[in-house]
Amino acid sequence: MNQITVYTTSTCPYCDMMKNFLNEQGLSFEEVNVQLDQDAANRLVETTGQLGVPQTEINGQWVLGFDPEKVMNLVK
């Protein structure tokens, strides 16, 4: 089973595209809105060095931005 977390903000169109893509692929995921959760935002920057969203963690690997091809390469 894939472990997928999508880090988003409330106003990010690419975040919606990523969530829609995962749903279309039948992949379940957890969403963390870094706009509402400052601790998560801080952890994200510490982990990836990036503040931009979406950032998607798939089984311990990171996808920056909306990159469906990379997502499909990482899922089992």
N, C-alpha and C. Protein backbone atom coordinates (compact mmCIF):
# COMPACT_ATOMS: atom_id res chain seq x y z
N MET A 1 0.85 -1.19 0.00
CA MET A 1 0.00 0.00 0.00
C MET A 1 0.88 1.24 0.00
N ASN A 2 0.50 2.21 -0.80
CA ASN A 2 1.27 3.44 -0.90
C ASN A 2 0.97 4.36 0.27
N GLN A 3 2.00 5.03 0.74
CA GLN A 3 1.81 6.05 1.76
C GLN A 3 2.05 7.39 1.08
N ILE A 4 0.97 8.16 0.94
CA ILE A 4 1.02 9.41 0.17
C ILE A 4 0.50 10.56 1.03
N THR A 5 1.30 11.63 1.11
CA THR A 5 0.87 12.84 1.80
C THR A 5 1.06 14.00 0.84
N VAL A 6 0.00 14.79 0.66
CA VAL A 6 0.07 15.97 -0.20
C VAL A 6 0.04 17.20 0.69
N TYR A 7 1.08 18.03 0.57
CA TYR A 7 1.15 19.29 1.31
C TYR A 7 0.62 20.39 0.42
N THR A 8 -0.38 21.11 0.93
CA THR A 8 -1.13 22.05 0.10
C THR A 8 -1.33 23.39 0.83
N THR A 9 -1.90 24.36 0.07
CA THR A 9 -2.49 25.55 0.68
C THR A 9 -3.92 25.65 0.15
N SER A 10 -4.67 26.56 0.74
CA SER A 10 -6.09 26.69 0.37
C SER A 10 -6.28 27.30 -1.01
N THR A 11 -5.27 28.00 -1.53
CA THR A 11 -5.46 28.80 -2.74
C THR A 11 -4.61 28.32 -3.90
N CYS A 12 -4.16 27.07 -3.85
CA CYS A 12 -3.19 26.57 -4.83
C CYS A 12 -3.87 25.70 -5.88
N PRO A 13 -3.98 26.20 -7.14
CA PRO A 13 -4.64 25.39 -8.18
C PRO A 13 -3.90 24.09 -8.48
N TYR A 14 -2.56 24.10 -8.40
CA TYR A 14 -1.81 22.87 -8.69
C TYR A 14 -2.03 21.82 -7.61
N CYS A 15 -2.31 22.29 -6.39
CA CYS A 15 -2.63 21.35 -5.31
C CYS A 15 -3.91 20.60 -5.65
N ASP A 16 -4.91 21.35 -6.12
CA ASP A 16 -6.17 20.71 -6.52
C ASP A 16 -5.94 19.73 -7.67
N MET A 17 -5.08 20.12 -8.61
CA MET A 17 -4.78 19.22 -9.73
C MET A 17 -4.14 17.94 -9.22
N MET A 18 -3.23 18.06 -8.28
CA MET A 18 -2.57 16.87 -7.73
C MET A 18 -3.58 15.98 -7.01
N LYS A 19 -4.43 16.58 -6.18
CA LYS A 19 -5.42 15.79 -5.44
C LYS A 19 -6.39 15.11 -6.41
N ASN A 20 -6.83 15.84 -7.44
CA ASN A 20 -7.74 15.26 -8.43
C ASN A 20 -7.07 14.11 -9.16
N PHE A 21 -5.79 14.29 -9.52
CA PHE A 21 -5.05 13.24 -10.22
C PHE A 21 -4.96 11.98 -9.36
N LEU A 22 -4.61 12.15 -8.09
CA LEU A 22 -4.50 10.99 -7.20
C LEU A 22 -5.85 10.28 -7.07
N ASN A 23 -6.91 11.07 -6.94
CA ASN A 23 -8.25 10.49 -6.84
C ASN A 23 -8.60 9.72 -8.11
N GLU A 24 -8.28 10.30 -9.27
CA GLU A 24 -8.57 9.63 -10.55
C GLU A 24 -7.82 8.31 -10.67
N GLN A 25 -6.62 8.25 -10.08
CA GLN A 25 -5.82 7.03 -10.12
C GLN A 25 -6.23 6.03 -9.03
N GLY A 26 -7.19 6.43 -8.20
CA GLY A 26 -7.64 5.56 -7.12
C GLY A 26 -6.62 5.45 -5.99
N LEU A 27 -5.78 6.47 -5.85
CA LEU A 27 -4.74 6.46 -4.81
C LEU A 27 -5.22 7.27 -3.62
N SER A 28 -5.23 6.65 -2.45
CA SER A 28 -5.66 7.38 -1.26
C SER A 28 -4.47 8.16 -0.72
N PHE A 29 -4.77 9.30 -0.12
CA PHE A 29 -3.69 10.16 0.37
C PHE A 29 -4.20 10.96 1.56
N GLU A 30 -3.24 11.47 2.31
CA GLU A 30 -3.53 12.38 3.41
C GLU A 30 -3.17 13.77 2.93
N GLU A 31 -3.98 14.75 3.26
CA GLU A 31 -3.68 16.13 2.89
C GLU A 31 -3.28 16.91 4.14
N VAL A 32 -2.18 17.66 4.02
CA VAL A 32 -1.77 18.56 5.09
C VAL A 32 -1.75 19.97 4.51
N ASN A 33 -2.63 20.83 5.03
CA ASN A 33 -2.70 22.21 4.56
C ASN A 33 -1.71 23.04 5.38
N VAL A 34 -0.59 23.42 4.76
CA VAL A 34 0.46 24.13 5.49
C VAL A 34 0.07 25.58 5.78
N GLN A 35 -0.98 26.04 5.11
CA GLN A 35 -1.48 27.39 5.38
C GLN A 35 -2.18 27.42 6.75
N LEU A 36 -2.76 26.29 7.13
CA LEU A 36 -3.50 26.20 8.38
C LEU A 36 -2.66 25.58 9.49
N ASP A 37 -1.52 25.00 9.14
CA ASP A 37 -0.70 24.27 10.11
C ASP A 37 0.75 24.74 10.00
N GLN A 38 1.10 25.74 10.81
CA GLN A 38 2.43 26.35 10.72
C GLN A 38 3.53 25.35 11.07
N ASP A 39 3.25 24.45 12.02
CA ASP A 39 4.25 23.43 12.37
C ASP A 39 4.56 22.54 11.18
N ALA A 40 3.52 22.15 10.45
CA ALA A 40 3.73 21.32 9.25
C ALA A 40 4.51 22.09 8.20
N ALA A 41 4.22 23.38 8.06
CA ALA A 41 4.95 24.21 7.10
C ALA A 41 6.43 24.26 7.46
N ASN A 42 6.72 24.43 8.74
CA ASN A 42 8.12 24.47 9.19
C ASN A 42 8.82 23.14 8.93
N ARG A 43 8.13 22.03 9.23
CA ARG A 43 8.70 20.69 9.00
C ARG A 43 8.99 20.48 7.52
N LEU A 44 8.07 20.95 6.67
CA LEU A 44 8.21 20.77 5.23
C LEU A 44 9.47 21.48 4.74
N VAL A 45 9.68 22.71 5.17
CA VAL A 45 10.86 23.47 4.76
C VAL A 45 12.12 22.80 5.28
N GLU A 46 12.08 22.32 6.53
CA GLU A 46 13.25 21.63 7.10
C GLU A 46 13.56 20.36 6.32
N THR A 47 12.53 19.65 5.88
CA THR A 47 12.73 18.36 5.22
C THR A 47 13.18 18.52 3.78
N THR A 48 12.53 19.41 3.03
CA THR A 48 12.77 19.49 1.58
C THR A 48 13.52 20.76 1.18
N GLY A 49 13.57 21.75 2.06
CA GLY A 49 14.18 23.01 1.70
C GLY A 49 13.31 23.86 0.79
N GLN A 50 12.09 23.43 0.57
CA GLN A 50 11.17 24.11 -0.34
C GLN A 50 9.92 24.56 0.41
N LEU A 51 9.43 25.74 0.09
CA LEU A 51 8.19 26.21 0.69
C LEU A 51 7.02 26.09 -0.29
N GLY A 52 7.33 25.97 -1.59
CA GLY A 52 6.26 25.90 -2.59
C GLY A 52 5.39 24.67 -2.42
N VAL A 53 4.17 24.76 -2.91
CA VAL A 53 3.25 23.62 -2.91
C VAL A 53 2.69 23.45 -4.32
N PRO A 54 2.17 22.29 -4.67
CA PRO A 54 2.13 21.11 -3.81
C PRO A 54 3.49 20.42 -3.71
N GLN A 55 3.71 19.82 -2.57
CA GLN A 55 4.79 18.86 -2.40
C GLN A 55 4.13 17.58 -1.94
N THR A 56 4.48 16.49 -2.59
CA THR A 56 3.83 15.22 -2.31
C THR A 56 4.88 14.20 -1.92
N GLU A 57 4.69 13.60 -0.75
CA GLU A 57 5.60 12.55 -0.30
C GLU A 57 4.95 11.21 -0.62
N ILE A 58 5.67 10.40 -1.39
CA ILE A 58 5.15 9.09 -1.79
C ILE A 58 6.16 8.04 -1.37
N ASN A 59 5.79 7.25 -0.36
CA ASN A 59 6.66 6.18 0.12
C ASN A 59 8.07 6.70 0.42
N GLY A 60 8.15 7.90 1.02
CA GLY A 60 9.43 8.44 1.43
C GLY A 60 10.16 9.24 0.36
N GLN A 61 9.62 9.28 -0.86
CA GLN A 61 10.22 10.07 -1.95
C GLN A 61 9.38 11.32 -2.17
N TRP A 62 10.01 12.39 -2.65
CA TRP A 62 9.31 13.67 -2.80
C TRP A 62 9.07 14.01 -4.25
N VAL A 63 7.87 14.53 -4.53
CA VAL A 63 7.51 15.08 -5.83
C VAL A 63 7.21 16.55 -5.60
N LEU A 64 7.95 17.43 -6.26
CA LEU A 64 7.71 18.86 -6.14
C LEU A 64 6.82 19.32 -7.28
N GLY A 65 5.77 20.05 -6.93
CA GLY A 65 4.84 20.54 -7.95
C GLY A 65 3.92 19.44 -8.45
N PHE A 66 3.23 19.74 -9.55
CA PHE A 66 2.30 18.78 -10.14
C PHE A 66 3.04 18.01 -11.23
N ASP A 67 3.42 16.79 -10.92
CA ASP A 67 4.23 15.98 -11.83
C ASP A 67 3.67 14.56 -11.88
N PRO A 68 2.59 14.37 -12.65
CA PRO A 68 1.90 13.06 -12.68
C PRO A 68 2.81 11.90 -13.07
N GLU A 69 3.73 12.15 -13.99
CA GLU A 69 4.61 11.08 -14.45
C GLU A 69 5.49 10.58 -13.30
N LYS A 70 6.04 11.52 -12.53
CA LYS A 70 6.88 11.13 -11.40
C LYS A 70 6.05 10.40 -10.35
N VAL A 71 4.82 10.86 -10.13
CA VAL A 71 3.93 10.19 -9.17
C VAL A 71 3.77 8.73 -9.57
N MET A 72 3.46 8.48 -10.83
CA MET A 72 3.20 7.12 -11.28
C MET A 72 4.47 6.26 -11.22
N ASN A 73 5.65 6.89 -11.36
CA ASN A 73 6.90 6.13 -11.23
C ASN A 73 7.15 5.70 -9.78
N LEU A 74 6.61 6.47 -8.82
CA LEU A 74 6.90 6.19 -7.42
C LEU A 74 5.87 5.29 -6.75
N VAL A 75 4.65 5.25 -7.27
CA VAL A 75 3.64 4.43 -6.60
C VAL A 75 3.86 2.96 -6.95
N LYS A 76 3.43 2.10 -6.02
CA LYS A 76 3.60 0.65 -6.22
C LYS A 76 2.36 0.11 -6.92
